[in-house]
Amino acid sequence: MPKMKTNSGAKKRFALTGSGKIKRKHAFKSHILTKKTTKQKRNLTQTGLVASCDEKNVKHMLCI
């Protein structure tokens, strides 16, 4: 059986934590920032965690 290939887009976007959860970045932080409040932009800067219902798909893309 051939080796599984990691999804290139997924490996750039997700990272694994020490406890096995998957970190992600927030969307809506790249452009059109003038109409967003400072608080909104500050909160989008922080990393989040992938929802439990999506973890299976992300782990499959990362070959975990």
Protein backbone atom coordinates (compact mmCIF):
# COMPACT_ATOMS: atom_id res chain seq x y z
CA MET A 1 0.00 0.00 0.00
CA PRO A 2 1.42 3.45 -0.87
CA LYS A 3 2.22 6.09 1.73
CA MET A 4 -0.49 8.62 2.57
CA LYS A 5 0.24 12.16 1.48
CA THR A 6 -0.37 15.08 3.81
CA ASN A 7 -2.64 17.76 2.39
CA SER A 8 -0.31 20.71 1.61
CA GLY A 9 -2.92 23.35 2.38
CA ALA A 10 -3.79 21.74 5.71
CA LYS A 11 -0.20 21.47 6.93
CA LYS A 12 0.20 25.25 6.43
CA ARG A 13 -3.01 26.08 8.30
CA PHE A 14 -3.16 23.71 11.28
CA ALA A 15 -0.80 22.81 14.12
CA LEU A 16 -0.99 20.14 16.80
CA THR A 17 -0.89 21.06 20.49
CA GLY A 18 0.84 19.00 23.16
CA SER A 19 -2.46 17.53 24.33
CA GLY A 20 -3.42 16.44 20.78
CA LYS A 21 -5.87 19.21 19.93
CA ILE A 22 -5.58 21.09 16.64
CA LYS A 23 -4.86 24.83 16.58
CA ARG A 24 -6.17 27.08 13.82
CA LYS A 25 -6.21 30.76 12.90
CA HIS A 26 -9.31 32.92 12.67
CA ALA A 27 -10.71 34.03 9.34
CA PHE A 28 -11.59 37.63 8.33
CA LYS A 29 -8.21 39.13 9.36
CA SER A 30 -6.59 39.62 5.95
CA HIS A 31 -8.23 42.65 4.31
CA ILE A 32 -11.06 45.21 4.62
CA LEU A 33 -9.88 45.94 8.15
CA THR A 34 -10.91 49.60 8.25
CA LYS A 35 -14.56 48.90 9.01
CA LYS A 36 -13.78 46.36 11.75
CA THR A 37 -13.37 47.54 15.32
CA THR A 38 -10.04 47.33 17.13
CA LYS A 39 -11.51 44.82 19.58
CA GLN A 40 -12.73 42.62 16.73
CA LYS A 41 -9.32 42.66 15.01
CA ARG A 42 -7.52 41.96 18.30
CA ASN A 43 -9.72 38.94 19.02
CA LEU A 44 -9.22 37.58 15.50
CA THR A 45 -5.44 37.64 16.03
CA GLN A 46 -5.60 34.94 18.70
CA THR A 47 -5.53 31.29 17.72
CA GLY A 48 -8.54 29.03 18.17
CA LEU A 49 -9.13 25.31 18.28
CA VAL A 50 -10.76 23.16 15.62
CA ALA A 51 -14.27 22.09 16.62
CA SER A 52 -14.67 18.49 17.76
CA CYS A 53 -16.98 17.68 14.84
CA ASP A 54 -14.28 18.77 12.33
CA GLU A 55 -11.30 17.17 14.06
CA LYS A 56 -11.66 13.82 12.28
CA ASN A 57 -11.50 15.44 8.83
CA VAL A 58 -8.53 17.65 9.70
CA LYS A 59 -6.60 14.75 11.21
CA HIS A 60 -7.25 12.74 8.06
CA MET A 61 -5.84 15.59 5.94
CA LEU A 62 -2.78 15.77 8.22
CA CYS A 63 -2.35 11.96 8.21
CA ILE A 64 -2.55 11.72 12.00
